[in-house]
Amino acid sequence: MSTWRDPVGPEGKNVYVRRRILVLVILLAIVAAVVLIIVKPGSSGGAATNPEVEIPAEVTAADQEAEEAKDDEPKECAAKNLSVVAITDRESYAAGEKPKLSLSVTNVGKKACSADLGTAGMIFAITSGSDRVWVSTDCQEKPDHRPVLLKPGKPLKTETISWDRTRSSPESCDVPRDPVTAEGASYHLGVAVAGVESDTTKQFLLY
């Protein structure tokens, strides 16, 4: 067995410095490990969970074009932008002649718009003074809806319908109707479509 022993006494200055450096490095490593554990990618909370996302330019452009296309789609015509006029094919009718009735509608607005010009929302009404004589919807069959694009300033005229010179009521659809008075009697045609009535009626005479 060797009888040599390690030297006893104060260590050298270089050994002391190296040990201090080693301890400092270990402490820094521990701190770094703790930081990585606390603040790790994908953890909840904090700014790291809400990174700023860049929106591709092409997606933004596509959305903008879709909004513009939607804005360009014709909207429903406002009542104030529709002008409705009652029309008869003559001013007077001889005995036996049936008046032919129609109407025109004009978009007086500045942009094209859409209106329902189907028979479901179309009314022809004939009056004489305060007397309600005949209304087209009293015995109407299969009313329809017909959306139509109306361009500004371009009137559209409906097809004509014939009036058989008789009175009507909702109760007269399946029974004989009474003929109206002629001999120069004055009648007025009023019309409405898409919820808009004509400003004036059209007068005509029956003989």
C-alpha atoms as a PDB file:
ATOM      1  CA  MET A   1       0.000   0.000   0.000  1.00  0.00           C
ATOM      2  CA  SER A   2       1.324   3.387  -0.924  1.00  0.00           C
ATOM      3  CA  THR A   3       2.034   5.792   1.839  1.00  0.00           C
ATOM      4  CA  TRP A   4       1.699   8.840  -0.375  1.00  0.00           C
ATOM      5  CA  ARG A   5      -1.120  11.269   0.500  1.00  0.00           C
ATOM      6  CA  ASP A   6      -2.620  14.165  -1.482  1.00  0.00           C
ATOM      7  CA  PRO A   7      -1.201  17.485  -0.591  1.00  0.00           C
ATOM      8  CA  VAL A   8      -3.067  19.212   2.185  1.00  0.00           C
ATOM      9  CA  GLY A   9      -3.475  22.987   2.255  1.00  0.00           C
ATOM     10  CA  PRO A  10      -4.994  25.801   0.200  1.00  0.00           C
ATOM     11  CA  GLU A  11      -5.632  25.079  -3.484  1.00  0.00           C
ATOM     12  CA  GLY A  12      -4.234  27.155  -6.260  1.00  0.00           C
ATOM     13  CA  LYS A  13      -6.004  30.227  -7.665  1.00  0.00           C
ATOM     14  CA  ASN A  14      -6.575  28.621 -11.112  1.00  0.00           C
ATOM     15  CA  VAL A  15      -8.443  25.680  -9.598  1.00  0.00           C
ATOM     16  CA  TYR A  16     -10.767  28.036  -7.709  1.00  0.00           C
ATOM     17  CA  VAL A  17     -11.605  30.053 -10.846  1.00  0.00           C
ATOM     18  CA  ARG A  18     -12.345  26.934 -12.886  1.00  0.00           C
ATOM     19  CA  ARG A  19     -14.760  25.676 -10.250  1.00  0.00           C
ATOM     20  CA  ARG A  20     -16.610  29.020 -10.157  1.00  0.00           C
ATOM     21  CA  ILE A  21     -16.948  28.981 -13.939  1.00  0.00           C
ATOM     22  CA  LEU A  22     -18.249  25.397 -13.887  1.00  0.00           C
ATOM     23  CA  VAL A  23     -20.874  26.273 -11.274  1.00  0.00           C
ATOM     24  CA  LEU A  24     -21.967  29.318 -13.313  1.00  0.00           C
ATOM     25  CA  VAL A  25     -22.328  27.224 -16.487  1.00  0.00           C
ATOM     26  CA  ILE A  26     -24.441  24.646 -14.646  1.00  0.00           C
ATOM     27  CA  LEU A  27     -26.713  27.381 -13.253  1.00  0.00           C
ATOM     28  CA  LEU A  28     -27.171  28.899 -16.726  1.00  0.00           C
ATOM     29  CA  ALA A  29     -28.051  25.482 -18.145  1.00  0.00           C
ATOM     30  CA  ILE A  30     -30.660  24.939 -15.428  1.00  0.00           C
ATOM     31  CA  VAL A  31     -32.213  28.378 -16.050  1.00  0.00           C
ATOM     32  CA  ALA A  32     -32.336  27.737 -19.801  1.00  0.00           C
ATOM     33  CA  ALA A  33     -34.043  24.370 -19.260  1.00  0.00           C
ATOM     34  CA  VAL A  34     -36.658  25.939 -16.989  1.00  0.00           C
ATOM     35  CA  VAL A  35     -37.363  28.678 -19.552  1.00  0.00           C
ATOM     36  CA  LEU A  36     -37.812  26.122 -22.347  1.00  0.00           C
ATOM     37  CA  ILE A  37     -40.223  24.126 -20.201  1.00  0.00           C
ATOM     38  CA  ILE A  38     -42.348  27.177 -19.276  1.00  0.00           C
ATOM     39  CA  VAL A  39     -42.322  28.875 -22.696  1.00  0.00           C
ATOM     40  CA  LYS A  40     -42.648  26.115 -25.265  1.00  0.00           C
ATOM     41  CA  PRO A  41     -44.088  26.231 -28.808  1.00  0.00           C
ATOM     42  CA  GLY A  42     -47.847  25.592 -28.971  1.00  0.00           C
ATOM     43  CA  SER A  43     -48.450  26.362 -25.288  1.00  0.00           C
ATOM     44  CA  SER A  44     -51.712  28.137 -24.461  1.00  0.00           C
ATOM     45  CA  GLY A  45     -51.778  31.818 -23.579  1.00  0.00           C
ATOM     46  CA  GLY A  46     -49.330  34.539 -24.380  1.00  0.00           C
ATOM     47  CA  ALA A  47     -48.424  36.173 -27.626  1.00  0.00           C
ATOM     48  CA  ALA A  48     -46.907  32.953 -28.965  1.00  0.00           C
ATOM     49  CA  THR A  49     -50.398  31.452 -29.360  1.00  0.00           C
ATOM     50  CA  ASN A  50     -51.599  34.256 -31.631  1.00  0.00           C
ATOM     51  CA  PRO A  51     -49.004  34.627 -34.358  1.00  0.00           C
ATOM     52  CA  GLU A  52     -49.788  37.142 -37.070  1.00  0.00           C
ATOM     53  CA  VAL A  53     -51.181  35.354 -40.129  1.00  0.00           C
ATOM     54  CA  GLU A  54     -50.576  36.791 -43.546  1.00  0.00           C
ATOM     55  CA  ILE A  55     -53.536  36.525 -45.957  1.00  0.00           C
ATOM     56  CA  PRO A  56     -52.506  35.550 -49.476  1.00  0.00           C
ATOM     57  CA  ALA A  57     -53.078  38.352 -51.946  1.00  0.00           C
ATOM     58  CA  GLU A  58     -55.051  36.131 -54.313  1.00  0.00           C
ATOM     59  CA  VAL A  59     -57.581  35.234 -51.594  1.00  0.00           C
ATOM     60  CA  THR A  60     -58.160  38.876 -50.714  1.00  0.00           C
ATOM     61  CA  ALA A  61     -58.616  39.763 -54.393  1.00  0.00           C
ATOM     62  CA  ALA A  62     -61.112  36.929 -54.909  1.00  0.00           C
ATOM     63  CA  ASP A  63     -63.182  38.041 -51.919  1.00  0.00           C
ATOM     64  CA  GLN A  64     -63.188  41.611 -53.195  1.00  0.00           C
ATOM     65  CA  GLU A  65     -64.322  40.515 -56.664  1.00  0.00           C
ATOM     66  CA  ALA A  66     -67.120  38.453 -55.115  1.00  0.00           C
ATOM     67  CA  GLU A  67     -68.333  41.471 -53.114  1.00  0.00           C
ATOM     68  CA  GLU A  68     -68.216  43.678 -56.222  1.00  0.00           C
ATOM     69  CA  ALA A  69     -70.171  41.092 -58.225  1.00  0.00           C
ATOM     70  CA  LYS A  70     -72.770  40.946 -55.456  1.00  0.00           C
ATOM     71  CA  ASP A  71     -73.096  44.733 -55.498  1.00  0.00           C
ATOM     72  CA  ASP A  72     -73.627  44.641 -59.282  1.00  0.00           C
ATOM     73  CA  GLU A  73     -76.564  42.227 -59.044  1.00  0.00           C
ATOM     74  CA  PRO A  74     -79.881  43.986 -59.855  1.00  0.00           C
ATOM     75  CA  LYS A  75     -81.917  44.715 -56.750  1.00  0.00           C
ATOM     76  CA  GLU A  76     -85.683  44.756 -56.396  1.00  0.00           C
ATOM     77  CA  CYS A  77     -87.202  47.900 -57.860  1.00  0.00           C
ATOM     78  CA  ALA A  78     -88.310  50.460 -55.311  1.00  0.00           C
ATOM     79  CA  ALA A  79     -91.937  51.526 -55.735  1.00  0.00           C
ATOM     80  CA  LYS A  80     -90.857  55.138 -56.289  1.00  0.00           C
ATOM     81  CA  ASN A  81     -88.800  54.023 -59.294  1.00  0.00           C
ATOM     82  CA  LEU A  82     -91.704  52.372 -61.140  1.00  0.00           C
ATOM     83  CA  SER A  83     -94.168  54.202 -63.363  1.00  0.00           C
ATOM     84  CA  VAL A  84     -97.281  52.213 -64.299  1.00  0.00           C
ATOM     85  CA  VAL A  85     -99.709  53.301 -67.042  1.00  0.00           C
ATOM     86  CA  ALA A  86    -103.130  51.880 -67.993  1.00  0.00           C
ATOM     87  CA  ILE A  87    -103.661  51.248 -71.728  1.00  0.00           C
ATOM     88  CA  THR A  88    -106.719  50.517 -73.897  1.00  0.00           C
ATOM     89  CA  ASP A  89    -106.528  49.817 -77.618  1.00  0.00           C
ATOM     90  CA  ARG A  90    -109.214  52.429 -78.389  1.00  0.00           C
ATOM     91  CA  GLU A  91    -110.928  55.476 -76.970  1.00  0.00           C
ATOM     92  CA  SER A  92    -114.442  54.137 -77.689  1.00  0.00           C
ATOM     93  CA  TYR A  93    -116.046  50.847 -78.668  1.00  0.00           C
ATOM     94  CA  ALA A  94    -119.045  50.134 -80.839  1.00  0.00           C
ATOM     95  CA  ALA A  95    -121.713  47.661 -79.759  1.00  0.00           C
ATOM     96  CA  GLY A  96    -120.271  44.162 -79.521  1.00  0.00           C
ATOM     97  CA  GLU A  97    -116.612  45.262 -79.554  1.00  0.00           C
ATOM     98  CA  LYS A  98    -114.558  44.055 -76.595  1.00  0.00           C
ATOM     99  CA  PRO A  99    -112.034  46.466 -75.107  1.00  0.00           C
ATOM    100  CA  LYS A 100    -108.469  45.163 -75.062  1.00  0.00           C
ATOM    101  CA  LEU A 101    -106.606  46.092 -71.924  1.00  0.00           C
ATOM    102  CA  SER A 102    -102.900  46.219 -71.114  1.00  0.00           C
ATOM    103  CA  LEU A 103    -100.406  48.180 -69.063  1.00  0.00           C
ATOM    104  CA  SER A 104     -96.870  49.467 -69.345  1.00  0.00           C
ATOM    105  CA  VAL A 105     -94.263  49.717 -66.608  1.00  0.00           C
ATOM    106  CA  THR A 106     -91.135  51.858 -66.743  1.00  0.00           C
ATOM    107  CA  ASN A 107     -88.110  51.975 -64.493  1.00  0.00           C
ATOM    108  CA  VAL A 108     -87.639  55.698 -63.851  1.00  0.00           C
ATOM    109  CA  GLY A 109     -84.621  55.101 -61.609  1.00  0.00           C
ATOM    110  CA  LYS A 110     -80.974  55.353 -62.621  1.00  0.00           C
ATOM    111  CA  LYS A 111     -80.044  51.676 -62.268  1.00  0.00           C
ATOM    112  CA  ALA A 112     -81.481  48.444 -63.620  1.00  0.00           C
ATOM    113  CA  CYS A 113     -83.714  46.638 -61.150  1.00  0.00           C
ATOM    114  CA  SER A 114     -85.931  43.571 -60.955  1.00  0.00           C
ATOM    115  CA  ALA A 115     -89.726  43.499 -60.593  1.00  0.00           C
ATOM    116  CA  ASP A 116     -92.306  40.714 -60.483  1.00  0.00           C
ATOM    117  CA  LEU A 117     -94.501  41.277 -63.539  1.00  0.00           C
ATOM    118  CA  GLY A 118     -96.411  38.027 -63.187  1.00  0.00           C
ATOM    119  CA  THR A 119    -100.191  37.877 -63.096  1.00  0.00           C
ATOM    120  CA  ALA A 120    -100.125  37.143 -59.350  1.00  0.00           C
ATOM    121  CA  GLY A 121     -99.327  40.792 -58.709  1.00  0.00           C
ATOM    122  CA  MET A 122    -101.112  42.346 -61.694  1.00  0.00           C
ATOM    123  CA  ILE A 123    -104.551  43.952 -61.454  1.00  0.00           C
ATOM    124  CA  PHE A 124    -106.875  45.445 -64.088  1.00  0.00           C
ATOM    125  CA  ALA A 125    -109.881  47.219 -62.586  1.00  0.00           C
ATOM    126  CA  ILE A 126    -112.740  48.895 -64.450  1.00  0.00           C
ATOM    127  CA  THR A 127    -114.911  51.433 -62.674  1.00  0.00           C
ATOM    128  CA  SER A 128    -117.672  53.840 -63.562  1.00  0.00           C
ATOM    129  CA  GLY A 129    -117.780  56.700 -61.112  1.00  0.00           C
ATOM    130  CA  SER A 130    -117.769  55.052 -57.684  1.00  0.00           C
ATOM    131  CA  ASP A 131    -119.155  51.805 -59.116  1.00  0.00           C
ATOM    132  CA  ARG A 132    -116.771  48.840 -59.081  1.00  0.00           C
ATOM    133  CA  VAL A 133    -117.571  47.123 -62.376  1.00  0.00           C
ATOM    134  CA  TRP A 134    -114.938  44.490 -63.157  1.00  0.00           C
ATOM    135  CA  VAL A 135    -111.619  43.324 -61.632  1.00  0.00           C
ATOM    136  CA  SER A 136    -109.279  40.857 -63.319  1.00  0.00           C
ATOM    137  CA  THR A 137    -108.420  38.996 -60.114  1.00  0.00           C
ATOM    138  CA  ASP A 138    -112.025  38.112 -59.226  1.00  0.00           C
ATOM    139  CA  CYS A 139    -111.904  34.843 -61.165  1.00  0.00           C
ATOM    140  CA  GLN A 140    -108.229  34.589 -62.011  1.00  0.00           C
ATOM    141  CA  GLU A 141    -106.833  31.134 -62.774  1.00  0.00           C
ATOM    142  CA  LYS A 142    -103.250  29.976 -62.180  1.00  0.00           C
ATOM    143  CA  PRO A 143    -101.624  33.291 -61.256  1.00  0.00           C
ATOM    144  CA  ASP A 144     -97.874  33.234 -61.800  1.00  0.00           C
ATOM    145  CA  HIS A 145     -94.755  35.093 -60.703  1.00  0.00           C
ATOM    146  CA  ARG A 146     -92.405  36.450 -63.352  1.00  0.00           C
ATOM    147  CA  PRO A 147     -89.286  38.367 -62.265  1.00  0.00           C
ATOM    148  CA  VAL A 148     -88.241  40.748 -65.044  1.00  0.00           C
ATOM    149  CA  LEU A 149     -85.158  42.937 -65.352  1.00  0.00           C
ATOM    150  CA  LEU A 150     -86.155  46.548 -66.015  1.00  0.00           C
ATOM    151  CA  LYS A 151     -83.560  48.815 -67.575  1.00  0.00           C
ATOM    152  CA  PRO A 152     -83.807  52.548 -66.869  1.00  0.00           C
ATOM    153  CA  GLY A 153     -86.109  54.470 -69.184  1.00  0.00           C
ATOM    154  CA  LYS A 154     -87.277  51.475 -71.236  1.00  0.00           C
ATOM    155  CA  PRO A 155     -91.031  50.787 -70.831  1.00  0.00           C
ATOM    156  CA  LEU A 156     -92.333  47.226 -71.009  1.00  0.00           C
ATOM    157  CA  LYS A 157     -95.883  46.551 -72.189  1.00  0.00           C
ATOM    158  CA  THR A 158     -97.902  43.506 -71.166  1.00  0.00           C
ATOM    159  CA  GLU A 159     -99.936  41.343 -73.476  1.00  0.00           C
ATOM    160  CA  THR A 160    -103.534  42.459 -73.908  1.00  0.00           C
ATOM    161  CA  ILE A 161    -106.523  40.866 -72.224  1.00  0.00           C
ATOM    162  CA  SER A 162    -110.115  41.237 -73.417  1.00  0.00           C
ATOM    163  CA  TRP A 163    -112.969  42.478 -71.289  1.00  0.00           C
ATOM    164  CA  ASP A 164    -116.297  40.888 -72.161  1.00  0.00           C
ATOM    165  CA  ARG A 165    -118.289  43.952 -71.045  1.00  0.00           C
ATOM    166  CA  THR A 166    -119.777  42.202 -68.003  1.00  0.00           C
ATOM    167  CA  ARG A 167    -119.666  42.805 -64.271  1.00  0.00           C
ATOM    168  CA  SER A 168    -117.509  40.603 -62.061  1.00  0.00           C
ATOM    169  CA  SER A 169    -117.218  39.598 -58.421  1.00  0.00           C
ATOM    170  CA  PRO A 170    -115.556  36.703 -56.606  1.00  0.00           C
ATOM    171  CA  GLU A 171    -118.993  35.044 -56.465  1.00  0.00           C
ATOM    172  CA  SER A 172    -119.689  35.349 -60.206  1.00  0.00           C
ATOM    173  CA  CYS A 173    -117.065  32.940 -61.538  1.00  0.00           C
ATOM    174  CA  ASP A 174    -119.415  30.018 -62.193  1.00  0.00           C
ATOM    175  CA  VAL A 175    -122.632  31.884 -62.953  1.00  0.00           C
ATOM    176  CA  PRO A 176    -123.792  34.032 -65.868  1.00  0.00           C
ATOM    177  CA  ARG A 177    -122.699  37.668 -65.527  1.00  0.00           C
ATOM    178  CA  ASP A 178    -124.759  40.753 -66.130  1.00  0.00           C
ATOM    179  CA  PRO A 179    -123.730  42.929 -69.101  1.00  0.00           C
ATOM    180  CA  VAL A 180    -122.804  46.528 -68.335  1.00  0.00           C
ATOM    181  CA  THR A 181    -124.581  49.618 -69.590  1.00  0.00           C
ATOM    182  CA  ALA A 182    -123.428  50.931 -72.969  1.00  0.00           C
ATOM    183  CA  GLU A 183    -124.987  53.709 -75.116  1.00  0.00           C
ATOM    184  CA  GLY A 184    -122.000  56.012 -74.647  1.00  0.00           C
ATOM    185  CA  ALA A 185    -121.385  55.148 -71.003  1.00  0.00           C
ATOM    186  CA  SER A 186    -117.987  56.197 -69.638  1.00  0.00           C
ATOM    187  CA  TYR A 187    -115.652  53.737 -67.942  1.00  0.00           C
ATOM    188  CA  HIS A 188    -112.180  54.013 -66.441  1.00  0.00           C
ATOM    189  CA  LEU A 189    -109.374  51.461 -66.419  1.00  0.00           C
ATOM    190  CA  GLY A 190    -106.976  51.444 -63.481  1.00  0.00           C
ATOM    191  CA  VAL A 191    -104.032  49.058 -63.222  1.00  0.00           C
ATOM    192  CA  ALA A 192    -101.420  47.912 -60.741  1.00  0.00           C
ATOM    193  CA  VAL A 193     -98.348  45.676 -60.889  1.00  0.00           C
ATOM    194  CA  ALA A 194     -95.568  44.784 -58.446  1.00  0.00           C
ATOM    195  CA  GLY A 195     -97.481  46.643 -55.751  1.00  0.00           C
ATOM    196  CA  VAL A 196     -97.521  49.923 -57.711  1.00  0.00           C
ATOM    197  CA  GLU A 197    -100.752  51.507 -58.966  1.00  0.00           C
ATOM    198  CA  SER A 198    -101.098  53.702 -62.022  1.00  0.00           C
ATOM    199  CA  ASP A 199    -101.174  57.404 -61.192  1.00  0.00           C
ATOM    200  CA  THR A 200    -104.218  57.971 -63.409  1.00  0.00           C
ATOM    201  CA  THR A 201    -106.958  55.872 -64.990  1.00  0.00           C
ATOM    202  CA  LYS A 202    -107.639  55.513 -68.707  1.00  0.00           C
ATOM    203  CA  GLN A 203    -111.129  56.628 -69.784  1.00  0.00           C
ATOM    204  CA  PHE A 204    -113.047  54.938 -72.618  1.00  0.00           C
ATOM    205  CA  LEU A 205    -116.630  54.827 -73.894  1.00  0.00           C
ATOM    206  CA  LEU A 206    -118.938  51.928 -74.657  1.00  0.00           C
ATOM    207  CA  TYR A 207    -121.685  52.055 -77.290  1.00  0.00           C
END
